Amino acid sequence: MSPTASEALVHLDALRERLKEASGRLGWLRSYL
């Protein structure tokens, strides 16, 4: 695997974590509204 490909995978993982965090926060907000 080329270094750029593994870099992209790392970025994707970070994005996925951020998305999970954001959706969790949204659900928490929705339960309050």
PDB file of N, CA and C in Angstrom:
ATOM      1  N   MET A   1       0.845  -1.199   0.000  1.00  0.00           N
ATOM      2  CA  MET A   1       0.000   0.000   0.000  1.00  0.00           C
ATOM      3  C   MET A   1       0.886   1.256   0.000  1.00  0.00           C
ATOM      4  N   SER A   2       0.513   2.225  -0.791  1.00  0.00           N
ATOM      5  CA  SER A   2       1.291   3.463  -0.844  1.00  0.00           C
ATOM      6  C   SER A   2       1.018   4.311   0.402  1.00  0.00           C
ATOM      7  N   PRO A   3       1.976   5.142   0.794  1.00  0.00           N
ATOM      8  CA  PRO A   3       1.801   5.981   1.991  1.00  0.00           C
ATOM      9  C   PRO A   3       0.582   6.893   1.889  1.00  0.00           C
ATOM     10  N   THR A   4       0.283   7.347   0.677  1.00  0.00           N
ATOM     11  CA  THR A   4      -0.872   8.237   0.516  1.00  0.00           C
ATOM     12  C   THR A   4      -2.168   7.486   0.801  1.00  0.00           C
ATOM     13  N   ALA A   5      -2.209   6.213   0.431  1.00  0.00           N
ATOM     14  CA  ALA A   5      -3.418   5.412   0.659  1.00  0.00           C
ATOM     15  C   ALA A   5      -3.638   5.209   2.154  1.00  0.00           C
ATOM     16  N   SER A   6      -2.562   4.878   2.878  1.00  0.00           N
ATOM     17  CA  SER A   6      -2.710   4.681   4.320  1.00  0.00           C
ATOM     18  C   SER A   6      -3.055   6.000   4.998  1.00  0.00           C
ATOM     19  N   GLU A   7      -2.514   7.090   4.477  1.00  0.00           N
ATOM     20  CA  GLU A   7      -2.844   8.414   5.018  1.00  0.00           C
ATOM     21  C   GLU A   7      -4.330   8.686   4.857  1.00  0.00           C
ATOM     22  N   ALA A   8      -4.852   8.358   3.670  1.00  0.00           N
ATOM     23  CA  ALA A   8      -6.273   8.571   3.404  1.00  0.00           C
ATOM     24  C   ALA A   8      -7.116   7.736   4.358  1.00  0.00           C
ATOM     25  N   LEU A   9      -6.661   6.509   4.633  1.00  0.00           N
ATOM     26  CA  LEU A   9      -7.400   5.637   5.550  1.00  0.00           C
ATOM     27  C   LEU A   9      -7.433   6.241   6.950  1.00  0.00           C
ATOM     28  N   VAL A  10      -6.307   6.796   7.373  1.00  0.00           N
ATOM     29  CA  VAL A  10      -6.248   7.431   8.695  1.00  0.00           C
ATOM     30  C   VAL A  10      -7.214   8.607   8.751  1.00  0.00           C
ATOM     31  N   HIS A  11      -7.238   9.400   7.673  1.00  0.00           N
ATOM     32  CA  HIS A  11      -8.146  10.546   7.621  1.00  0.00           C
ATOM     33  C   HIS A  11      -9.593  10.083   7.673  1.00  0.00           C
ATOM     34  N   LEU A  12      -9.900   8.998   6.965  1.00  0.00           N
ATOM     35  CA  LEU A  12     -11.262   8.468   6.950  1.00  0.00           C
ATOM     36  C   LEU A  12     -11.673   8.016   8.343  1.00  0.00           C
ATOM     37  N   ASP A  13     -10.760   7.351   9.041  1.00  0.00           N
ATOM     38  CA  ASP A  13     -11.048   6.899  10.402  1.00  0.00           C
ATOM     39  C   ASP A  13     -11.350   8.087  11.308  1.00  0.00           C
ATOM     40  N   ALA A  14     -10.543   9.154  11.182  1.00  0.00           N
ATOM     41  CA  ALA A  14     -10.750  10.342  12.000  1.00  0.00           C
ATOM     42  C   ALA A  14     -12.105  10.969  11.686  1.00  0.00           C
ATOM     43  N   LEU A  15     -12.455  11.018  10.401  1.00  0.00           N
ATOM     44  CA  LEU A  15     -13.742  11.582   9.996  1.00  0.00           C
ATOM     45  C   LEU A  15     -14.887  10.768  10.571  1.00  0.00           C
ATOM     46  N   ARG A  16     -14.736   9.436  10.518  1.00  0.00           N
ATOM     47  CA  ARG A  16     -15.793   8.561  11.023  1.00  0.00           C
ATOM     48  C   ARG A  16     -16.003   8.787  12.520  1.00  0.00           C
ATOM     49  N   GLU A  17     -14.901   8.944  13.255  1.00  0.00           N
ATOM     50  CA  GLU A  17     -14.997   9.204  14.690  1.00  0.00           C
ATOM     51  C   GLU A  17     -15.722  10.524  14.941  1.00  0.00           C
ATOM     52  N   ARG A  18     -15.384  11.542  14.151  1.00  0.00           N
ATOM     53  CA  ARG A  18     -16.009  12.857  14.315  1.00  0.00           C
ATOM     54  C   ARG A  18     -17.500  12.772  14.017  1.00  0.00           C
ATOM     55  N   LEU A  19     -17.848  11.994  12.981  1.00  0.00           N
ATOM     56  CA  LEU A  19     -19.255  11.835  12.619  1.00  0.00           C
ATOM     57  C   LEU A  19     -20.019  11.151  13.744  1.00  0.00           C
ATOM     58  N   LYS A  20     -19.404  10.109  14.318  1.00  0.00           N
ATOM     59  CA  LYS A  20     -20.042   9.389  15.416  1.00  0.00           C
ATOM     60  C   LYS A  20     -20.284  10.343  16.587  1.00  0.00           C
ATOM     61  N   GLU A  21     -19.265  11.153  16.878  1.00  0.00           N
ATOM     62  CA  GLU A  21     -19.362  12.117  17.967  1.00  0.00           C
ATOM     63  C   GLU A  21     -20.483  13.111  17.696  1.00  0.00           C
ATOM     64  N   ALA A  22     -20.533  13.616  16.455  1.00  0.00           N
ATOM     65  CA  ALA A  22     -21.542  14.609  16.083  1.00  0.00           C
ATOM     66  C   ALA A  22     -22.946  14.022  16.168  1.00  0.00           C
ATOM     67  N   SER A  23     -23.128  12.802  15.664  1.00  0.00           N
ATOM     68  CA  SER A  23     -24.460  12.193  15.695  1.00  0.00           C
ATOM     69  C   SER A  23     -24.876  11.916  17.138  1.00  0.00           C
ATOM     70  N   GLY A  24     -23.918  11.538  17.974  1.00  0.00           N
ATOM     71  CA  GLY A  24     -24.225  11.305  19.379  1.00  0.00           C
ATOM     72  C   GLY A  24     -24.676  12.593  20.045  1.00  0.00           C
ATOM     73  N   ARG A  25     -23.980  13.689  19.731  1.00  0.00           N
ATOM     74  CA  ARG A  25     -24.336  14.986  20.303  1.00  0.00           C
ATOM     75  C   ARG A  25     -25.714  15.414  19.817  1.00  0.00           C
ATOM     76  N   LEU A  26     -26.011  15.139  18.536  1.00  0.00           N
ATOM     77  CA  LEU A  26     -27.314  15.507  17.978  1.00  0.00           C
ATOM     78  C   LEU A  26     -28.429  14.751  18.687  1.00  0.00           C
ATOM     79  N   GLY A  27     -28.208  13.455  18.912  1.00  0.00           N
ATOM     80  CA  GLY A  27     -29.212  12.649  19.601  1.00  0.00           C
ATOM     81  C   GLY A  27     -29.445  13.177  21.012  1.00  0.00           C
ATOM     82  N   TRP A  28     -28.360  13.590  21.669  1.00  0.00           N
ATOM     83  CA  TRP A  28     -28.452  14.131  23.020  1.00  0.00           C
ATOM     84  C   TRP A  28     -29.256  15.427  23.007  1.00  0.00           C
ATOM     85  N   LEU A  29     -28.997  16.274  21.992  1.00  0.00           N
ATOM     86  CA  LEU A  29     -29.737  17.531  21.869  1.00  0.00           C
ATOM     87  C   LEU A  29     -31.212  17.261  21.610  1.00  0.00           C
ATOM     88  N   ARG A  30     -31.479  16.299  20.716  1.00  0.00           N
ATOM     89  CA  ARG A  30     -32.855  15.989  20.346  1.00  0.00           C
ATOM     90  C   ARG A  30     -33.649  15.502  21.559  1.00  0.00           C
ATOM     91  N   SER A  31     -33.005  14.749  22.426  1.00  0.00           N
ATOM     92  CA  SER A  31     -33.713  14.232  23.594  1.00  0.00           C
ATOM     93  C   SER A  31     -34.076  15.376  24.545  1.00  0.00           C
ATOM     94  N   TYR A  32     -33.337  16.474  24.456  1.00  0.00           N
ATOM     95  CA  TYR A  32     -33.623  17.622  25.312  1.00  0.00           C
ATOM     96  C   TYR A  32     -34.730  18.495  24.736  1.00  0.00           C
ATOM     97  N   LEU A  33     -34.824  18.531  23.399  1.00  0.00           N
ATOM     98  CA  LEU A  33     -35.817  19.396  22.746  1.00  0.00           C
ATOM     99  C   LEU A  33     -37.212  18.788  22.800  1.00  0.00           C
TER     100      LEU A  33
END
